[in-house]
C-alpha atoms as a PDB file:
ATOM      1  CA  UNK A   1     119.982 110.320  95.635  1.00  0.00           C
ATOM      2  CA  UNK A   2     118.860 113.869  95.347  1.00  0.00           C
ATOM      3  CA  UNK A   3     119.741 116.346  98.057  1.00  0.00           C
ATOM      4  CA  UNK A   4     116.643 117.853  99.602  1.00  0.00           C
ATOM      5  CA  UNK A   5     116.253 120.515 102.212  1.00  0.00           C
ATOM      6  CA  UNK A   6     114.962 119.715 105.649  1.00  0.00           C
ATOM      7  CA  UNK A   7     112.032 122.064 105.064  1.00  0.00           C
ATOM      8  CA  UNK A   8     110.968 120.180 101.919  1.00  0.00           C
ATOM      9  CA  UNK A   9     111.167 116.854 103.743  1.00  0.00           C
ATOM     10  CA  UNK A  10     109.109 118.165 106.681  1.00  0.00           C
ATOM     11  CA  UNK A  11     106.453 119.572 104.367  1.00  0.00           C
ATOM     12  CA  UNK A  12     106.238 116.304 102.439  1.00  0.00           C
ATOM     13  CA  UNK A  13     105.971 114.226 105.615  1.00  0.00           C
ATOM     14  CA  UNK A  14     103.346 116.558 107.089  1.00  0.00           C
ATOM     15  CA  UNK A  15     101.242 116.241 103.948  1.00  0.00           C
ATOM     16  CA  UNK A  16     101.638 112.453 104.012  1.00  0.00           C
ATOM     17  CA  UNK A  17     100.598 112.359 107.673  1.00  0.00           C
ATOM     18  CA  UNK A  18      97.534 114.516 106.988  1.00  0.00           C
ATOM     19  CA  UNK A  19      96.459 112.307 104.062  1.00  0.00           C
ATOM     20  CA  UNK A  20      96.938 109.190 106.180  1.00  0.00           C
ATOM     21  CA  UNK A  21      94.928 110.580 109.089  1.00  0.00           C
ATOM     22  CA  UNK A  22      92.082 111.691 106.819  1.00  0.00           C
ATOM     23  CA  UNK A  23      92.113 108.301 105.079  1.00  0.00           C
ATOM     24  CA  UNK A  24      91.942 106.369 108.345  1.00  0.00           C
ATOM     25  CA  UNK A  25      89.255 108.676 109.695  1.00  0.00           C
ATOM     26  CA  UNK A  26      87.015 108.205 106.656  1.00  0.00           C
ATOM     27  CA  UNK A  27      87.635 104.491 106.007  1.00  0.00           C
ATOM     28  CA  UNK A  28      85.698 102.490 108.608  1.00  0.00           C
ATOM     29  CA  UNK A  29      87.059  99.037 107.616  1.00  0.00           C
ATOM     30  CA  UNK A  30      90.627 100.315 108.009  1.00  0.00           C
ATOM     31  CA  UNK A  31      89.776 101.912 111.358  1.00  0.00           C
ATOM     32  CA  UNK A  32      88.193  98.645 112.551  1.00  0.00           C
ATOM     33  CA  UNK A  33      91.244  96.667 111.435  1.00  0.00           C
ATOM     34  CA  UNK A  34      93.608  99.014 113.283  1.00  0.00           C
ATOM     35  CA  UNK A  35      91.441  98.860 116.416  1.00  0.00           C
ATOM     36  CA  UNK A  36      91.381  95.056 116.313  1.00  0.00           C
ATOM     37  CA  UNK A  37      95.157  95.008 115.882  1.00  0.00           C
ATOM     38  CA  UNK A  38      95.576  97.308 118.902  1.00  0.00           C
ATOM     39  CA  UNK A  39      93.313  95.097 121.006  1.00  0.00           C
ATOM     40  CA  UNK A  40      95.298  91.971 120.106  1.00  0.00           C
ATOM     41  CA  UNK A  41      98.615  93.767 120.513  1.00  0.00           C
ATOM     42  CA  UNK A  42      98.791  93.310 124.255  1.00  0.00           C
ATOM     43  CA  UNK A  43      98.493  96.718 125.848  1.00  0.00           C
ATOM     44  CA  UNK A  44      94.691  96.808 125.471  1.00  0.00           C
ATOM     45  CA  UNK A  45      93.862  93.188 126.201  1.00  0.00           C
ATOM     46  CA  UNK A  46      90.924  92.537 128.506  1.00  0.00           C
ATOM     47  CA  UNK A  47      92.366  89.399 130.128  1.00  0.00           C
ATOM     48  CA  UNK A  48      95.137  90.985 132.121  1.00  0.00           C
ATOM     49  CA  UNK A  49      97.121  88.871 134.605  1.00  0.00           C
ATOM     50  CA  UNK A  50      98.989  91.721 136.267  1.00  0.00           C
ATOM     51  CA  UNK A  51      99.021  91.881 140.088  1.00  0.00           C
ATOM     52  CA  UNK A  52      97.189  95.228 140.054  1.00  0.00           C
ATOM     53  CA  UNK A  53      94.252  93.857 138.050  1.00  0.00           C
ATOM     54  CA  UNK A  54      91.100  94.201 140.146  1.00  0.00           C
ATOM     55  CA  UNK A  55      88.797  92.250 137.813  1.00  0.00           C
ATOM     56  CA  UNK A  56      86.256  95.042 137.478  1.00  0.00           C
END
């Protein structure tokens, strides 16, 4: 393994994050797939059974 500075790693990860965000923003099928995954993940489900659910 090559030794890399923290600054180089942060720059590389920031660039990777920016590319990923731009890619998701401009790719509608990928955005739809991520949204569907979030909806089925549990925290955004519509059929909640918690005691505080008012049914509105």
